[in-house]
N, C-alpha and C. Protein backbone atom coordinates (compact mmCIF):
# COMPACT_ATOMS: atom_id res chain seq x y z
N MET A 1 11.10 81.27 45.90
CA MET A 1 11.46 79.94 46.34
C MET A 1 10.91 78.91 45.36
N THR A 2 11.69 77.88 45.10
CA THR A 2 11.25 76.78 44.25
C THR A 2 10.98 75.56 45.13
N TYR A 3 9.80 75.00 44.99
CA TYR A 3 9.40 73.82 45.75
C TYR A 3 9.69 72.57 44.93
N HIS A 4 10.01 71.47 45.62
CA HIS A 4 10.31 70.20 44.96
C HIS A 4 9.23 69.18 45.34
N LEU A 5 8.63 68.56 44.34
CA LEU A 5 7.50 67.67 44.57
C LEU A 5 7.87 66.33 45.20
N GLU A 6 9.15 65.96 45.18
CA GLU A 6 9.53 64.67 45.77
C GLU A 6 9.31 64.67 47.28
N SER A 7 9.47 65.83 47.89
CA SER A 7 9.32 65.96 49.34
C SER A 7 7.87 66.32 49.66
N TRP A 8 7.23 65.51 50.54
CA TRP A 8 5.84 65.81 50.90
C TRP A 8 5.74 67.17 51.58
N GLU A 9 6.70 67.50 52.45
CA GLU A 9 6.67 68.79 53.13
C GLU A 9 6.70 69.94 52.12
N GLN A 10 7.54 69.83 51.12
CA GLN A 10 7.63 70.89 50.10
C GLN A 10 6.38 70.90 49.23
N ARG A 11 5.87 69.72 48.90
CA ARG A 11 4.64 69.64 48.11
C ARG A 11 3.48 70.28 48.88
N LYS A 12 3.43 70.01 50.18
CA LYS A 12 2.39 70.58 51.03
C LYS A 12 2.50 72.11 51.04
N ARG A 13 3.71 72.63 51.21
CA ARG A 13 3.90 74.08 51.22
C ARG A 13 3.54 74.71 49.88
N ALA A 14 3.92 74.03 48.79
CA ALA A 14 3.58 74.54 47.46
C ALA A 14 2.07 74.57 47.25
N ALA A 15 1.39 73.51 47.67
CA ALA A 15 -0.07 73.45 47.52
C ALA A 15 -0.73 74.57 48.33
N LEU A 16 -0.25 74.81 49.53
CA LEU A 16 -0.80 75.89 50.35
C LEU A 16 -0.54 77.25 49.71
N GLN A 17 0.63 77.41 49.10
CA GLN A 17 0.94 78.67 48.42
C GLN A 17 0.02 78.88 47.21
N ILE A 18 -0.23 77.82 46.46
CA ILE A 18 -1.15 77.91 45.31
C ILE A 18 -2.54 78.30 45.81
N LEU A 19 -2.99 77.67 46.89
CA LEU A 19 -4.31 77.98 47.45
C LEU A 19 -4.38 79.42 47.96
N ALA A 20 -3.27 79.93 48.50
CA ALA A 20 -3.25 81.27 49.08
C ALA A 20 -3.16 82.37 48.03
N ASN A 21 -2.63 82.05 46.85
CA ASN A 21 -2.51 83.06 45.80
C ASN A 21 -3.89 83.45 45.30
N ASP A 22 -3.99 84.64 44.80
CA ASP A 22 -5.27 85.15 44.33
C ASP A 22 -5.52 84.68 42.89
N HIS A 23 -5.59 83.37 42.72
CA HIS A 23 -5.83 82.78 41.40
C HIS A 23 -7.09 81.92 41.50
N ARG A 24 -7.96 82.09 40.56
CA ARG A 24 -9.23 81.36 40.59
C ARG A 24 -9.00 79.87 40.33
N LEU A 25 -9.52 79.04 41.23
CA LEU A 25 -9.41 77.59 41.10
C LEU A 25 -10.80 76.98 41.01
N THR A 26 -10.89 75.86 40.31
CA THR A 26 -12.14 75.12 40.30
C THR A 26 -12.27 74.37 41.62
N ARG A 27 -13.47 73.91 41.91
CA ARG A 27 -13.69 73.11 43.12
C ARG A 27 -12.82 71.85 43.09
N LYS A 28 -12.73 71.24 41.92
CA LYS A 28 -11.93 70.02 41.77
C LYS A 28 -10.44 70.30 42.02
N SER A 29 -9.95 71.42 41.51
CA SER A 29 -8.55 71.79 41.73
C SER A 29 -8.28 72.06 43.20
N GLY A 30 -9.20 72.77 43.86
CA GLY A 30 -9.05 73.04 45.28
C GLY A 30 -9.06 71.77 46.11
N SER A 31 -9.91 70.84 45.74
CA SER A 31 -9.99 69.56 46.43
C SER A 31 -8.69 68.77 46.25
N PHE A 32 -8.16 68.77 45.04
CA PHE A 32 -6.91 68.09 44.74
C PHE A 32 -5.77 68.68 45.57
N LEU A 33 -5.69 70.00 45.63
CA LEU A 33 -4.63 70.64 46.40
C LEU A 33 -4.78 70.35 47.89
N GLY A 34 -6.02 70.31 48.38
CA GLY A 34 -6.25 69.94 49.77
C GLY A 34 -5.77 68.53 50.06
N GLN A 35 -5.99 67.63 49.11
CA GLN A 35 -5.50 66.25 49.24
C GLN A 35 -3.98 66.24 49.31
N CYS A 36 -3.34 67.08 48.50
CA CYS A 36 -1.88 67.15 48.50
C CYS A 36 -1.34 67.64 49.84
N VAL A 37 -2.10 68.48 50.52
CA VAL A 37 -1.70 68.99 51.84
C VAL A 37 -1.85 67.90 52.90
N ALA A 38 -2.91 67.13 52.82
CA ALA A 38 -3.25 66.18 53.89
C ALA A 38 -2.68 64.78 53.72
N ASP A 39 -2.37 64.38 52.48
CA ASP A 39 -2.00 62.99 52.21
C ASP A 39 -0.57 62.88 51.70
N PRO A 40 0.32 62.21 52.44
CA PRO A 40 1.72 62.10 52.02
C PRO A 40 1.98 61.07 50.91
N THR A 41 0.94 60.41 50.43
CA THR A 41 1.11 59.43 49.36
C THR A 41 1.72 60.10 48.13
N PRO A 42 2.74 59.47 47.50
CA PRO A 42 3.33 60.07 46.30
C PRO A 42 2.29 60.29 45.20
N LEU A 43 2.51 61.32 44.40
CA LEU A 43 1.61 61.64 43.31
C LEU A 43 1.90 60.76 42.10
N SER A 44 0.85 60.45 41.34
CA SER A 44 1.03 59.74 40.07
C SER A 44 1.57 60.73 39.04
N ASP A 45 1.97 60.22 37.88
CA ASP A 45 2.48 61.10 36.82
C ASP A 45 1.42 62.11 36.38
N LYS A 46 0.17 61.68 36.27
CA LYS A 46 -0.91 62.59 35.89
C LYS A 46 -1.12 63.66 36.95
N GLN A 47 -1.06 63.26 38.20
CA GLN A 47 -1.22 64.23 39.29
C GLN A 47 -0.08 65.24 39.31
N ILE A 48 1.13 64.77 39.05
CA ILE A 48 2.28 65.68 38.98
C ILE A 48 2.07 66.70 37.88
N ASP A 49 1.63 66.25 36.71
CA ASP A 49 1.37 67.17 35.60
C ASP A 49 0.32 68.20 35.98
N TRP A 50 -0.75 67.76 36.63
CA TRP A 50 -1.81 68.67 37.04
C TRP A 50 -1.29 69.67 38.08
N PHE A 51 -0.51 69.17 39.05
CA PHE A 51 0.06 70.05 40.07
C PHE A 51 0.94 71.11 39.42
N LEU A 52 1.79 70.71 38.48
CA LEU A 52 2.67 71.65 37.80
C LEU A 52 1.87 72.70 37.03
N THR A 53 0.78 72.28 36.40
CA THR A 53 -0.09 73.22 35.67
C THR A 53 -0.70 74.24 36.62
N LEU A 54 -1.23 73.76 37.74
CA LEU A 54 -1.83 74.67 38.72
C LEU A 54 -0.79 75.63 39.30
N ALA A 55 0.40 75.12 39.56
CA ALA A 55 1.47 75.97 40.10
C ALA A 55 1.86 77.05 39.10
N GLU A 56 2.00 76.66 37.84
CA GLU A 56 2.37 77.64 36.80
C GLU A 56 1.32 78.73 36.67
N ARG A 57 0.06 78.34 36.67
CA ARG A 57 -1.03 79.31 36.54
C ARG A 57 -1.06 80.30 37.70
N SER A 58 -0.65 79.85 38.88
CA SER A 58 -0.71 80.72 40.05
C SER A 58 0.62 81.41 40.34
N GLY A 59 1.64 81.12 39.54
CA GLY A 59 2.93 81.78 39.71
C GLY A 59 3.80 81.20 40.81
N VAL A 60 3.59 79.94 41.16
CA VAL A 60 4.39 79.27 42.18
C VAL A 60 5.43 78.40 41.47
N ALA A 61 6.71 78.56 41.84
CA ALA A 61 7.80 77.81 41.21
C ALA A 61 7.89 76.41 41.83
N VAL A 62 7.73 75.40 40.97
CA VAL A 62 7.75 74.01 41.43
C VAL A 62 8.56 73.18 40.44
N GLU A 63 9.34 72.23 40.97
CA GLU A 63 10.07 71.27 40.15
C GLU A 63 9.59 69.87 40.49
N ALA A 64 9.43 69.05 39.45
CA ALA A 64 8.98 67.66 39.66
C ALA A 64 10.12 66.78 40.13
């Protein structure tokens, strides 16, 4: 499944999938993903880039 970042529901599901995958995350990355789950505020361009990087590393398909 490919998640789309424009939708908060899809962003939330993608963040949960990244957290659930067996990929090592830093505390800062985990905190950021938790924020993505809890806060529907749109992501900035930098945050989108970071989210895409984390998704790629964990094997989760995401489109900006």
